[in-house]
Amino acid sequence: MDIKAQSLYSELQSLSAQAQMGLGDMQPTQINPSSQNFGDMLSQALNTVNSMQLDGKDKAVKFEMGDPSLSLADVMIAKEKAGLAFEATVQVRNKVLEAYKQIMNMPV
């Protein structure tokens, strides 16, 4: 493997000089371009899952009490939606924890 160190070094120096010249012209970048914080988005998602579970439970109780406006299919669909949302939330949590563990194991 033939690496031309001098050519690589000179190219890096020219890129560094270009970057330093352009620093005065740059506008400040936004740290979070979205209007919502990640914690707020996560909280909203968890609240949505919770409301789906409560809705499924309420429909099941109403069906058991003999509410004629609900069918068994409505109750089962509501319960399945809540179950799928909960499983998706658990999978997201597992991925976040896995990423956190990988970041913590990185050498500094």
Protein backbone atom coordinates (compact mmCIF):
# COMPACT_ATOMS: atom_id res chain seq x y z
CA MET A 1 0.00 0.00 0.00
CA ASP A 2 1.61 3.22 -1.17
CA ILE A 3 0.53 6.28 0.82
CA LYS A 4 1.87 9.61 -0.27
CA ALA A 5 2.18 11.30 3.10
CA GLN A 6 3.47 14.63 1.83
CA SER A 7 0.59 15.02 -0.63
CA LEU A 8 -1.96 14.04 2.02
CA TYR A 9 -0.40 16.45 4.52
CA SER A 10 -0.47 19.36 2.08
CA GLU A 11 -4.10 18.64 1.17
CA LEU A 12 -5.07 18.62 4.86
CA GLN A 13 -3.27 21.92 5.38
CA SER A 14 -5.10 23.52 2.45
CA LEU A 15 -8.45 22.26 3.74
CA SER A 16 -7.62 23.59 7.19
CA ALA A 17 -6.74 27.00 5.76
CA GLN A 18 -9.99 27.07 3.77
CA ALA A 19 -11.98 26.17 6.87
CA GLN A 20 -10.32 28.88 8.95
CA MET A 21 -10.93 31.52 6.27
CA GLY A 22 -14.62 30.67 6.09
CA LEU A 23 -15.22 30.80 9.86
CA GLY A 24 -15.99 34.53 9.91
CA ASP A 25 -18.61 34.23 7.19
CA MET A 26 -20.54 31.34 8.72
CA GLN A 27 -23.86 31.86 10.42
CA PRO A 28 -24.45 30.11 13.73
CA THR A 29 -25.94 26.68 13.30
CA GLN A 30 -29.00 25.54 15.16
CA ILE A 31 -28.33 22.80 17.64
CA ASN A 32 -31.85 21.41 17.44
CA PRO A 33 -33.61 22.46 14.24
CA SER A 34 -36.84 20.78 15.25
CA SER A 35 -39.10 22.71 17.55
CA GLN A 36 -39.53 19.83 20.00
CA ASN A 37 -37.12 18.43 22.52
CA PHE A 38 -36.38 14.69 22.37
CA GLY A 39 -37.64 14.26 25.92
CA ASP A 40 -40.93 15.94 25.03
CA MET A 41 -41.34 13.73 21.99
CA LEU A 42 -40.62 10.61 24.05
CA SER A 43 -43.06 11.70 26.74
CA GLN A 44 -45.74 12.34 24.13
CA ALA A 45 -45.20 8.89 22.61
CA LEU A 46 -45.47 7.21 26.01
CA ASN A 47 -48.64 9.15 26.79
CA THR A 48 -50.12 8.03 23.47
CA VAL A 49 -49.36 4.38 24.24
CA ASN A 50 -50.86 4.79 27.70
CA SER A 51 -54.04 6.36 26.31
CA MET A 52 -54.37 3.51 23.78
CA GLN A 53 -54.10 0.97 26.59
CA LEU A 54 -56.67 2.83 28.69
CA ASP A 55 -59.01 3.06 25.69
CA GLY A 56 -58.73 -0.68 25.11
CA LYS A 57 -59.42 -1.38 28.75
CA ASP A 58 -62.43 0.97 28.79
CA LYS A 59 -63.89 -0.66 25.68
CA ALA A 60 -63.42 -4.10 27.19
CA VAL A 61 -65.19 -3.08 30.40
CA LYS A 62 -68.05 -1.47 28.46
CA PHE A 63 -68.41 -4.58 26.30
CA GLU A 64 -68.47 -6.81 29.39
CA MET A 65 -71.18 -4.61 30.91
CA GLY A 66 -73.32 -5.12 27.81
CA ASP A 67 -72.90 -1.86 25.90
CA PRO A 68 -74.80 -2.44 22.62
CA SER A 69 -72.74 0.16 20.71
CA LEU A 70 -69.56 -1.96 20.94
CA SER A 71 -68.87 -5.20 19.14
CA LEU A 72 -66.30 -7.79 20.05
CA ALA A 73 -64.32 -6.82 16.95
CA ASP A 74 -64.06 -3.18 18.14
CA VAL A 75 -62.76 -4.32 21.51
CA MET A 76 -60.25 -6.74 20.00
CA ILE A 77 -58.96 -4.14 17.54
CA ALA A 78 -58.47 -1.59 20.32
CA LYS A 79 -56.63 -4.16 22.46
CA GLU A 80 -54.41 -5.24 19.55
CA LYS A 81 -53.53 -1.63 18.73
CA ALA A 82 -52.55 -1.05 22.34
CA GLY A 83 -50.52 -4.27 22.41
CA LEU A 84 -48.66 -3.41 19.20
CA ALA A 85 -47.92 0.11 20.41
CA PHE A 86 -46.57 -1.28 23.68
CA GLU A 87 -44.37 -3.82 21.88
CA ALA A 88 -43.01 -1.09 19.60
CA THR A 89 -42.23 1.04 22.66
CA VAL A 90 -40.37 -1.85 24.29
CA GLN A 91 -38.34 -2.42 21.12
CA VAL A 92 -37.41 1.27 20.94
CA ARG A 93 -36.39 1.19 24.60
CA ASN A 94 -34.21 -1.86 23.96
CA LYS A 95 -32.49 -0.17 21.00
CA VAL A 96 -31.86 3.00 23.00
CA LEU A 97 -30.35 1.00 25.87
CA GLU A 98 -28.19 -0.96 23.44
CA ALA A 99 -26.92 2.26 21.86
CA TYR A 100 -26.23 3.73 25.31
CA LYS A 101 -24.22 0.66 26.32
CA GLN A 102 -22.19 0.84 23.11
CA ILE A 103 -21.46 4.51 23.68
CA MET A 104 -20.42 3.88 27.27
CA ASN A 105 -18.05 1.10 26.17
CA MET A 106 -16.25 3.31 23.63
CA PRO A 107 -12.69 4.14 24.55
CA VAL A 108 -12.05 7.79 25.26
